[in-house]
């Protein structure tokens, strides 16, 4: 099984049950709903389809809901505005524009317009259009086009390198969070995070809604997030490198460096990390990726990311299933020859983290698989954060726990019936000896979630040569 997980975005092009089923069979283990698009009815239908496919296939699939965040978009244009490099365009405070001889772009956001200064560089349409501010007032700004461009209604807009003082969670997003909580989504992606306070705000909302099992993915996409990276990584449950928005706020040649920095910091702090945007961008229109895209994916795998996320490739692309198959093919081909960066244990870490490090180190020294009985999933995440090279299987009676573990590199899951730690460990042992759980290693380290007790159980089982021998003579296993 591939260790690096695949997440896909569900959109108009792939919301059909058969396509979602095929993507899951091709290797997708997390499904993302972009709350910037669609309606509550469409989102609810997506949740229903994914959960039905999960039951049908007997696997665990994570659901991620991505909040829109305080994105800035131009207003409604009666007709697109075409400009050539060097031409002058006006940005005016308005909801809409009717066109005319003057090239005018409406902006229904007074705070953004007031923040503009001469020399600021404005990017629109995912960075395809660039303008420099010549002059600005509270009601309009005069821009000089730096590129040829066509601007149409509701295109995104950023001011390069500038953090705009906009609320991270708006009134509309409060309602979206309530929807996500009611549908028991596994993760919420928080957009335009600037510091730990943004994560704390969402965490408080989830707790007030009784949705403490919904985890938070902090998206690193604005300058403030880069400056405050460590505190954000510590506050969130997972981190996402949003390369598209990073490329709008920073020069494009800086994006690979920023990606590596965020991945290293996340691994070092023991948090799962996702890389997204244009992994296989050409597959929006073509059935095969480019050579450079394959190299980009291999580079991300080499950095040790937990998840590779497809966005437009599956949400609006013509070949969503083929994109997943190609991503899985690349992972399978190159992953066995890659040794990802390891997390280094800090002596000041708490006892739970040091215990997890000990289990991972013991398993590697014995070339043993790791089987973990967990209720909350935290011990499984701690062990997985040390990137053991052997098999890792997490077992739990909770589907919600197992779904969240789908974002962890190298972790497979199995559902068990036991409700206590001792019973869970015994059930895992029985499943192992009967062939109900299969691992490639001949030795297994079994353990369970850390509890408040002076002695913690770690069991080592030598399996012998194969599953058939274990079924015939289960008593021959050596246990320590």
Protein backbone atom coordinates (compact mmCIF):
# COMPACT_ATOMS: atom_id res chain seq x y z
CA UNK A 1 0.00 0.00 0.00
CA UNK A 2 1.27 3.48 -0.84
CA UNK A 3 2.25 5.47 2.25
CA UNK A 4 1.59 8.96 0.86
CA UNK A 5 -2.16 9.56 0.91
CA UNK A 6 -4.26 11.09 -1.88
CA UNK A 7 -7.00 13.69 -1.32
CA UNK A 8 -9.34 14.87 -4.06
CA UNK A 9 -11.72 17.79 -4.42
CA UNK A 10 -15.35 17.04 -5.24
CA UNK A 11 -17.01 19.43 -7.67
CA UNK A 12 -19.37 19.65 -10.59
CA UNK A 13 -17.22 17.34 -12.72
CA UNK A 14 -17.08 14.41 -10.30
CA UNK A 15 -20.02 14.50 -7.87
CA UNK A 16 -21.56 11.35 -9.38
CA UNK A 17 -21.43 8.24 -7.15
CA UNK A 18 -19.71 6.14 -9.83
CA UNK A 19 -16.87 8.65 -10.26
CA UNK A 20 -16.36 8.99 -6.50
CA UNK A 21 -16.31 5.18 -6.24
CA UNK A 22 -13.71 4.93 -8.99
CA UNK A 23 -11.53 7.59 -7.35
CA UNK A 24 -11.68 5.72 -4.04
CA UNK A 25 -10.78 2.45 -5.76
CA UNK A 26 -7.90 4.25 -7.52
CA UNK A 27 -6.45 5.29 -4.16
CA UNK A 28 -8.20 8.46 -2.93
CA UNK A 29 -8.59 8.40 0.85
CA UNK A 30 -9.84 11.93 1.54
CA UNK A 31 -12.55 13.93 -0.21
CA UNK A 32 -12.62 17.72 -0.04
CA UNK A 33 -15.67 19.96 -0.35
CA UNK A 34 -14.77 23.51 -1.34
CA UNK A 35 -17.34 25.66 0.45
CA UNK A 36 -16.53 28.56 -1.91
CA UNK A 37 -18.64 26.80 -4.53
CA UNK A 38 -21.98 25.04 -4.55
CA UNK A 39 -24.95 24.99 -2.20
CA UNK A 40 -25.74 23.32 1.11
CA UNK A 41 -27.88 20.80 -0.77
CA UNK A 42 -24.93 19.89 -3.03
CA UNK A 43 -22.55 19.64 -0.08
CA UNK A 44 -24.98 17.39 1.80
CA UNK A 45 -25.33 15.18 -1.26
CA UNK A 46 -21.54 14.86 -1.47
CA UNK A 47 -21.34 13.79 2.18
CA UNK A 48 -24.06 11.20 1.58
CA UNK A 49 -22.34 9.76 -1.51
CA UNK A 50 -18.92 9.52 0.15
CA UNK A 51 -20.32 7.81 3.25
CA UNK A 52 -22.27 5.33 1.11
CA UNK A 53 -19.16 4.52 -0.95
CA UNK A 54 -17.17 4.11 2.27
CA UNK A 55 -19.65 1.53 3.56
CA UNK A 56 -19.81 -0.25 0.22
CA UNK A 57 -16.03 -0.60 -0.10
CA UNK A 58 -15.45 -1.41 3.57
CA UNK A 59 -12.78 1.27 3.92
CA UNK A 60 -12.41 4.58 5.75
CA UNK A 61 -12.60 7.90 3.92
CA UNK A 62 -11.96 11.34 5.41
CA UNK A 63 -14.20 14.28 4.56
CA UNK A 64 -12.65 17.76 4.48
CA UNK A 65 -14.68 20.97 4.31
CA UNK A 66 -12.72 24.01 3.12
CA UNK A 67 -13.92 27.41 4.36
CA UNK A 68 -13.87 30.24 1.79
CA UNK A 69 -12.06 32.68 4.09
CA UNK A 70 -11.87 36.45 3.59
CA UNK A 71 -11.02 36.30 -0.09
CA UNK A 72 -11.29 39.54 -2.09
CA UNK A 73 -13.13 39.40 -5.41
CA UNK A 74 -13.97 42.05 -7.97
CA UNK A 75 -17.61 42.91 -8.57
CA UNK A 76 -19.94 42.03 -11.42
CA UNK A 77 -18.92 43.15 -14.91
CA UNK A 78 -21.47 43.43 -17.69
CA UNK A 79 -18.69 42.43 -20.08
CA UNK A 80 -15.10 41.31 -19.45
CA UNK A 81 -12.46 44.06 -19.42
CA UNK A 82 -9.60 43.40 -21.85
CA UNK A 83 -6.36 45.24 -21.16
CA UNK A 84 -2.88 45.31 -22.66
CA UNK A 85 0.34 45.71 -20.70
CA UNK A 86 0.92 49.41 -20.02
CA UNK A 87 -2.74 50.45 -20.23
CA UNK A 88 -4.49 52.32 -17.43
CA UNK A 89 -7.42 50.73 -15.57
CA UNK A 90 -9.56 52.17 -12.78
CA UNK A 91 -10.55 50.16 -9.71
CA UNK A 92 -13.71 51.79 -8.29
CA UNK A 93 -15.78 51.21 -5.17
CA UNK A 94 -18.88 49.56 -6.61
CA UNK A 95 -20.74 46.27 -6.77
CA UNK A 96 -20.93 46.28 -10.55
CA UNK A 97 -19.84 48.07 -13.69
CA UNK A 98 -21.59 48.59 -17.02
CA UNK A 99 -18.48 49.12 -19.10
CA UNK A 100 -17.91 52.02 -21.49
CA UNK A 101 -14.97 53.77 -23.07
CA UNK A 102 -13.07 53.85 -19.78
CA UNK A 103 -11.71 50.52 -18.51
CA UNK A 104 -13.28 50.19 -15.05
CA UNK A 105 -13.21 47.26 -12.62
CA UNK A 106 -15.67 47.35 -9.69
CA UNK A 107 -14.50 46.39 -6.19
CA UNK A 108 -17.23 46.03 -3.54
CA UNK A 109 -14.79 46.25 -0.61
CA UNK A 110 -14.05 49.66 0.89
CA UNK A 111 -11.45 48.35 3.37
CA UNK A 112 -9.30 46.87 0.62
CA UNK A 113 -9.52 49.97 -1.55
CA UNK A 114 -8.54 52.17 1.40
CA UNK A 115 -5.47 49.98 2.05
CA UNK A 116 -4.01 50.48 -1.44
CA UNK A 117 -0.92 52.66 -1.88
CA UNK A 118 1.17 53.76 -4.83
CA UNK A 119 3.56 50.97 -5.85
CA UNK A 120 1.42 48.10 -4.57
CA UNK A 121 1.19 45.20 -7.02
CA UNK A 122 -2.29 43.72 -7.47
CA UNK A 123 -2.81 40.22 -8.84
CA UNK A 124 -6.11 38.91 -10.19
CA UNK A 125 -7.37 35.69 -11.75
CA UNK A 126 -4.95 33.38 -9.86
CA UNK A 127 -1.99 35.57 -10.75
CA UNK A 128 -2.56 35.65 -14.51
CA UNK A 129 -3.27 39.40 -14.41
CA UNK A 130 -0.91 41.88 -12.70
CA UNK A 131 -1.33 45.61 -12.07
CA UNK A 132 0.68 48.30 -10.29
CA UNK A 133 -1.09 51.01 -8.29
CA UNK A 134 -0.35 54.50 -9.73
CA UNK A 135 -2.54 56.36 -7.25
CA UNK A 136 -5.29 55.54 -4.78
CA UNK A 137 -8.04 57.14 -2.73
CA UNK A 138 -10.92 55.85 -0.62
CA UNK A 139 -13.19 55.65 -3.67
CA UNK A 140 -10.94 54.58 -6.53
CA UNK A 141 -7.45 53.49 -7.54
CA UNK A 142 -5.63 54.03 -10.82
CA UNK A 143 -3.79 50.91 -11.98
CA UNK A 144 -1.26 50.30 -14.75
CA UNK A 145 -1.46 46.84 -16.31
CA UNK A 146 1.79 44.86 -16.08
CA UNK A 147 0.44 42.01 -18.24
CA UNK A 148 -2.12 41.46 -20.93
CA UNK A 149 -5.29 40.32 -19.21
CA UNK A 150 -9.01 39.71 -19.43
CA UNK A 151 -10.87 40.43 -16.20
CA UNK A 152 -14.37 39.01 -15.74
CA UNK A 153 -16.86 39.02 -12.88
CA UNK A 154 -15.93 37.78 -9.39
CA UNK A 155 -12.27 37.13 -10.12
CA UNK A 156 -10.06 36.81 -7.03
CA UNK A 157 -7.69 39.63 -6.14
CA UNK A 158 -4.72 39.95 -3.79
CA UNK A 159 -2.22 42.67 -2.96
CA UNK A 160 1.16 41.00 -3.24
CA UNK A 161 3.00 40.73 0.07
CA UNK A 162 0.31 42.56 2.05
CA UNK A 163 -1.93 41.14 4.76
CA UNK A 164 -5.35 42.78 4.59
CA UNK A 165 -7.17 43.33 7.88
CA UNK A 166 -10.23 41.21 7.15
CA UNK A 167 -12.09 38.84 9.52
CA UNK A 168 -10.90 35.23 9.17
CA UNK A 169 -14.38 33.85 9.87
CA UNK A 170 -17.37 35.81 8.54
CA UNK A 171 -21.04 35.50 9.46
CA UNK A 172 -21.64 33.26 6.43
CA UNK A 173 -18.80 31.00 7.47
CA UNK A 174 -20.31 30.57 10.94
CA UNK A 175 -23.29 28.94 9.24
CA UNK A 176 -20.95 26.76 7.13
CA UNK A 177 -19.13 25.61 10.27
CA UNK A 178 -22.49 24.66 11.79
CA UNK A 179 -23.25 22.62 8.66
CA UNK A 180 -19.87 20.89 8.83
CA UNK A 181 -20.42 20.05 12.49
CA UNK A 182 -23.92 18.69 11.90
CA UNK A 183 -22.66 16.46 9.07
CA UNK A 184 -19.73 15.23 11.20
CA UNK A 185 -17.02 16.27 8.75
CA UNK A 186 -13.61 15.00 9.81
CA UNK A 187 -11.60 18.13 9.02
CA UNK A 188 -12.27 21.81 8.38
CA UNK A 189 -9.76 23.74 6.29
CA UNK A 190 -9.25 27.24 7.69
CA UNK A 191 -8.32 29.71 4.96
CA UNK A 192 -6.10 32.79 5.24
CA UNK A 193 -4.81 31.88 8.71
CA UNK A 194 -2.62 34.64 10.13
CA UNK A 195 -1.82 33.33 13.59
CA UNK A 196 -2.74 30.90 16.34
CA UNK A 197 -5.66 33.14 17.38
CA UNK A 198 -7.47 32.29 14.13
CA UNK A 199 -7.15 28.57 14.84
CA UNK A 200 -8.27 29.13 18.45
CA UNK A 201 -11.36 30.99 17.24
CA UNK A 202 -12.45 28.07 15.03
CA UNK A 203 -11.57 25.56 17.77
CA UNK A 204 -13.83 27.42 20.18
CA UNK A 205 -16.70 27.39 17.69
CA UNK A 206 -16.34 23.63 17.16
CA UNK A 207 -16.29 22.98 20.91
CA UNK A 208 -19.42 25.08 21.41
CA UNK A 209 -21.14 22.99 18.72
CA UNK A 210 -20.11 19.70 20.33
CA UNK A 211 -17.84 18.98 17.35
CA UNK A 212 -14.58 18.44 19.20
CA UNK A 213 -13.87 15.41 16.98
CA UNK A 214 -13.68 17.66 13.91
CA UNK A 215 -10.02 18.55 13.36
CA UNK A 216 -8.60 21.77 11.92
CA UNK A 217 -6.35 22.10 8.87
CA UNK A 218 -4.54 25.45 8.82
CA UNK A 219 -3.85 26.65 5.28
CA UNK A 220 -0.54 28.45 4.82
CA UNK A 221 -1.17 30.99 2.06
CA UNK A 222 -0.55 34.58 3.23
CA UNK A 223 2.58 36.42 4.45
CA UNK A 224 1.41 36.50 8.10
CA UNK A 225 1.04 32.71 8.10
CA UNK A 226 4.64 32.34 6.91
CA UNK A 227 5.87 34.72 9.61
CA UNK A 228 3.87 32.95 12.33
CA UNK A 229 4.37 29.44 11.00
CA UNK A 230 5.54 27.74 14.19
CA UNK A 231 2.66 28.96 16.36
CA UNK A 232 0.14 28.00 13.66
CA UNK A 233 1.63 24.50 13.30
CA UNK A 234 1.44 24.03 17.07
CA UNK A 235 -2.18 25.23 17.23
CA UNK A 236 -3.63 23.29 14.28
CA UNK A 237 -4.22 19.55 13.81
CA UNK A 238 -2.82 19.52 10.26
CA UNK A 239 -1.16 21.95 7.84
CA UNK A 240 -1.84 22.59 4.16
CA UNK A 241 0.67 24.24 1.81
CA UNK A 242 -1.65 26.29 -0.42
CA UNK A 243 0.75 26.83 -3.32
CA UNK A 244 -1.75 28.71 -5.45
CA UNK A 245 -2.26 31.54 -2.97
CA UNK A 246 1.39 31.52 -1.90
CA UNK A 247 2.23 32.13 -5.56
CA UNK A 248 -0.04 35.18 -5.52
CA UNK A 249 1.57 36.72 -2.42
CA UNK A 250 5.18 35.77 -3.11
CA UNK A 251 7.30 35.65 -6.28
CA UNK A 252 6.75 32.30 -7.99
CA UNK A 253 10.40 31.32 -7.63
CA UNK A 254 9.95 31.50 -3.84
CA UNK A 255 7.15 28.91 -3.70
CA UNK A 256 9.38 25.77 -3.70
CA UNK A 257 11.43 27.19 -0.83
CA UNK A 258 8.29 28.06 1.13
CA UNK A 259 6.84 24.60 0.51
CA UNK A 260 9.99 22.92 1.85
CA UNK A 261 10.02 25.21 4.88
CA UNK A 262 6.39 24.49 5.79
CA UNK A 263 6.81 20.73 5.28
CA UNK A 264 9.97 20.64 7.44
CA UNK A 265 8.33 22.63 10.23
CA UNK A 266 5.21 20.44 10.19
CA UNK A 267 7.19 17.19 10.30
CA UNK A 268 9.42 18.60 13.03
CA UNK A 269 6.39 19.50 15.15
CA UNK A 270 4.68 16.16 14.55
CA UNK A 271 1.76 17.47 12.45
CA UNK A 272 0.50 15.92 9.19
CA UNK A 273 1.15 18.12 6.16
CA UNK A 274 -0.70 18.38 2.85
CA UNK A 275 0.55 19.87 -0.43
CA UNK A 276 -2.07 21.22 -2.83
CA UNK A 277 -2.58 23.14 -6.09
CA UNK A 278 -1.52 22.25 -9.63
CA UNK A 279 0.12 18.93 -8.83
CA UNK A 280 -1.22 17.60 -12.13
CA UNK A 281 -2.71 20.83 -13.46
CA UNK A 282 -2.46 19.87 -17.13
CA UNK A 283 -4.83 16.97 -16.44
CA UNK A 284 -7.71 19.41 -16.18
CA UNK A 285 -7.71 19.17 -19.99
CA UNK A 286 -5.42 16.23 -20.85
CA UNK A 287 -5.53 12.52 -19.92
CA UNK A 288 -1.82 12.34 -19.03
CA UNK A 289 0.39 14.68 -16.94
CA UNK A 290 3.49 16.50 -18.10
CA UNK A 291 7.02 15.36 -17.25
CA UNK A 292 7.56 18.43 -15.06
CA UNK A 293 4.42 17.64 -13.06
CA UNK A 294 5.68 14.13 -12.36
CA UNK A 295 8.99 15.61 -11.15
CA UNK A 296 7.04 18.05 -8.91
CA UNK A 297 5.05 15.19 -7.34
CA UNK A 298 8.20 13.13 -6.73
CA UNK A 299 9.82 16.16 -5.06
CA UNK A 300 6.85 16.47 -2.68
CA UNK A 301 7.01 12.75 -1.85
CA UNK A 302 10.74 13.09 -1.18
CA UNK A 303 10.03 15.88 1.31
CA UNK A 304 7.91 13.43 3.30
CA UNK A 305 4.44 14.98 2.93
CA UNK A 306 1.52 13.03 4.34
CA UNK A 307 -1.04 13.95 1.66
CA UNK A 308 -1.04 15.10 -1.95
CA UNK A 309 -4.28 16.95 -2.76
CA UNK A 310 -5.85 17.32 -6.19
CA UNK A 311 -8.03 20.41 -6.59
CA UNK A 312 -9.18 21.58 -10.04
CA UNK A 313 -7.85 18.35 -11.56
CA UNK A 314 -10.83 16.51 -10.06
CA UNK A 315 -13.31 19.29 -9.23
CA UNK A 316 -13.64 20.70 -12.76
CA UNK A 317 -11.25 18.60 -14.84
CA UNK A 318 -12.18 16.28 -17.67
CA UNK A 319 -10.22 13.33 -16.28
CA UNK A 320 -10.76 13.10 -12.48
CA UNK A 321 -10.32 9.33 -12.19
CA UNK A 322 -7.29 9.30 -14.48
CA UNK A 323 -5.70 12.06 -12.36
CA UNK A 324 -6.03 9.92 -9.21
CA UNK A 325 -4.66 6.88 -11.03
CA UNK A 326 -1.66 8.82 -12.27
CA UNK A 327 -0.93 10.26 -8.84
CA UNK A 328 -1.14 6.77 -7.31
CA UNK A 329 1.09 5.37 -10.06
CA UNK A 330 3.77 8.00 -9.40
CA UNK A 331 3.64 7.38 -5.65
CA UNK A 332 3.91 3.61 -6.07
CA UNK A 333 6.78 3.90 -8.53
CA UNK A 334 9.02 6.26 -6.55
CA UNK A 335 8.05 5.90 -2.88
CA UNK A 336 9.92 2.61 -2.22
CA UNK A 337 13.23 4.26 -3.10
CA UNK A 338 12.66 7.36 -0.95
CA UNK A 339 13.65 7.74 2.69
CA UNK A 340 11.60 10.68 3.98
CA UNK A 341 12.98 13.14 6.55
CA UNK A 342 12.61 11.89 10.12
CA UNK A 343 11.27 13.80 13.06
CA UNK A 344 13.94 14.29 15.71
CA UNK A 345 12.84 13.76 19.30
CA UNK A 346 13.27 16.71 21.62
CA UNK A 347 14.26 15.66 25.19
CA UNK A 348 11.79 18.21 26.53
CA UNK A 349 8.83 16.48 24.84
CA UNK A 350 6.14 15.03 27.10
CA UNK A 351 6.11 11.35 28.03
CA UNK A 352 3.43 10.46 25.44
CA UNK A 353 5.58 11.72 22.59
CA UNK A 354 8.69 9.99 23.96
CA UNK A 355 6.71 6.76 24.33
CA UNK A 356 5.60 7.02 20.69
CA UNK A 357 9.21 7.58 19.64
CA UNK A 358 10.24 4.52 21.63
CA UNK A 359 7.62 2.33 19.94
CA UNK A 360 8.62 3.56 16.46
CA UNK A 361 12.31 3.01 17.22
CA UNK A 362 11.70 -0.46 18.67
CA UNK A 363 9.69 -1.51 15.64
CA UNK A 364 12.34 -0.31 13.23
CA UNK A 365 15.12 -2.05 15.15
CA UNK A 366 13.16 -5.34 14.93
CA UNK A 367 11.89 -4.69 11.38
CA UNK A 368 8.45 -5.15 12.95
CA UNK A 369 5.00 -3.92 11.98
CA UNK A 370 3.21 -1.65 14.47
CA UNK A 371 -0.37 -2.38 15.54
CA UNK A 372 -2.01 0.27 17.70
CA UNK A 373 -5.33 0.06 19.53
CA UNK A 374 -6.51 3.65 19.88
CA UNK A 375 -9.72 5.36 20.90
CA UNK A 376 -8.97 9.00 20.10
CA UNK A 377 -6.24 8.39 17.47
CA UNK A 378 -3.67 10.58 19.23
CA UNK A 379 -1.19 7.78 19.96
CA UNK A 380 -1.41 6.59 16.36
CA UNK A 381 -0.65 10.12 15.16
CA UNK A 382 2.28 10.47 17.54
CA UNK A 383 3.81 7.17 16.37
CA UNK A 384 3.18 7.97 12.69
CA UNK A 385 4.82 11.40 13.13
CA UNK A 386 8.20 9.64 13.51
CA UNK A 387 7.80 8.18 10.01
CA UNK A 388 8.56 4.51 10.84
CA UNK A 389 9.67 2.56 7.78
CA UNK A 390 7.59 -0.49 8.75
CA UNK A 391 3.83 -1.11 8.46
CA UNK A 392 1.58 0.88 10.81
CA UNK A 393 -2.00 -0.27 11.43
CA UNK A 394 -4.33 1.65 13.73
CA UNK A 395 -7.39 -0.13 15.15
CA UNK A 396 -10.31 1.55 16.84
CA UNK A 397 -14.00 1.00 17.58
CA UNK A 398 -14.63 4.57 16.38
CA UNK A 399 -15.22 5.22 12.68
CA UNK A 400 -14.63 8.92 13.23
CA UNK A 401 -11.19 8.25 14.67
CA UNK A 402 -10.27 5.96 11.79
CA UNK A 403 -11.45 8.49 9.22
CA UNK A 404 -9.26 11.22 10.68
CA UNK A 405 -6.26 8.88 10.55
CA UNK A 406 -6.61 8.72 6.76
CA UNK A 407 -4.52 11.90 6.55
CA UNK A 408 -1.50 10.26 8.22
CA UNK A 409 1.34 9.03 6.06
CA UNK A 410 1.77 5.26 6.13
CA UNK A 411 -1.17 4.49 8.45
CA UNK A 412 -3.69 1.81 7.54
CA UNK A 413 -6.88 1.34 9.56
CA UNK A 414 -9.07 -1.48 10.81
CA UNK A 415 -12.29 -1.30 12.79
CA UNK A 416 -12.62 -3.46 15.91
CA UNK A 417 -15.41 -4.06 18.40
CA UNK A 418 -13.48 -3.86 21.68
CA UNK A 419 -14.19 -0.82 23.84
CA UNK A 420 -11.28 -1.10 26.32
CA UNK A 421 -7.53 -1.06 25.82
CA UNK A 422 -6.83 -4.54 27.17
CA UNK A 423 -9.67 -6.11 25.17
CA UNK A 424 -8.56 -4.17 22.09
CA UNK A 425 -5.02 -5.52 22.31
CA UNK A 426 -6.33 -9.08 22.74
CA UNK A 427 -8.65 -8.68 19.75
CA UNK A 428 -5.79 -7.41 17.61
CA UNK A 429 -3.70 -10.43 18.62
CA UNK A 430 -6.48 -12.83 17.64
CA UNK A 431 -7.03 -11.09 14.29
CA UNK A 432 -3.32 -11.22 13.61
CA UNK A 433 -3.00 -14.94 14.36
CA UNK A 434 -6.11 -15.85 12.34
CA UNK A 435 -5.05 -13.85 9.29
CA UNK A 436 -7.72 -11.17 9.78
CA UNK A 437 -4.91 -8.63 9.72
CA UNK A 438 -2.07 -9.12 7.25
CA UNK A 439 1.36 -7.51 7.42
CA UNK A 440 4.49 -8.07 5.36
CA UNK A 441 6.79 -8.21 8.40
CA UNK A 442 7.40 -11.41 10.41
CA UNK A 443 7.37 -9.56 13.75
CA UNK A 444 4.73 -7.24 15.18
CA UNK A 445 4.80 -4.70 18.01
CA UNK A 446 1.37 -4.22 19.59
CA UNK A 447 0.49 -1.35 21.87
CA UNK A 448 -2.39 0.90 22.84
CA UNK A 449 -3.11 4.54 23.56
CA UNK A 450 -1.16 6.08 26.42
CA UNK A 451 -3.01 6.20 29.73
CA UNK A 452 -2.26 7.67 33.12
CA UNK A 453 -0.45 4.65 34.54
CA UNK A 454 3.13 3.90 35.62
CA UNK A 455 3.49 0.84 33.36
CA UNK A 456 2.40 0.69 29.73
CA UNK A 457 1.98 -2.53 27.78
CA UNK A 458 3.97 -3.23 24.63
CA UNK A 459 3.65 -6.75 23.22
CA UNK A 460 6.01 -8.27 20.66
CA UNK A 461 4.78 -11.19 18.55
CA UNK A 462 6.91 -13.25 16.19
CA UNK A 463 4.64 -14.49 13.42
CA UNK A 464 6.77 -17.17 11.77
CA UNK A 465 6.71 -17.72 8.02
CA UNK A 466 3.18 -16.97 6.94
CA UNK A 467 -0.54 -16.68 7.63
CA UNK A 468 -1.24 -20.39 6.94
CA UNK A 469 1.25 -21.52 9.56
CA UNK A 470 -0.23 -19.04 12.05
CA UNK A 471 -3.73 -20.42 11.52
CA UNK A 472 -2.50 -24.00 11.98
CA UNK A 473 -0.43 -23.33 15.10
CA UNK A 474 -1.36 -20.05 16.73
CA UNK A 475 0.08 -21.25 20.02
CA UNK A 476 3.61 -21.32 18.57
CA UNK A 477 3.85 -17.51 18.53
CA UNK A 478 6.37 -16.07 20.94
CA UNK A 479 5.07 -13.25 23.10
CA UNK A 480 7.04 -10.87 25.28
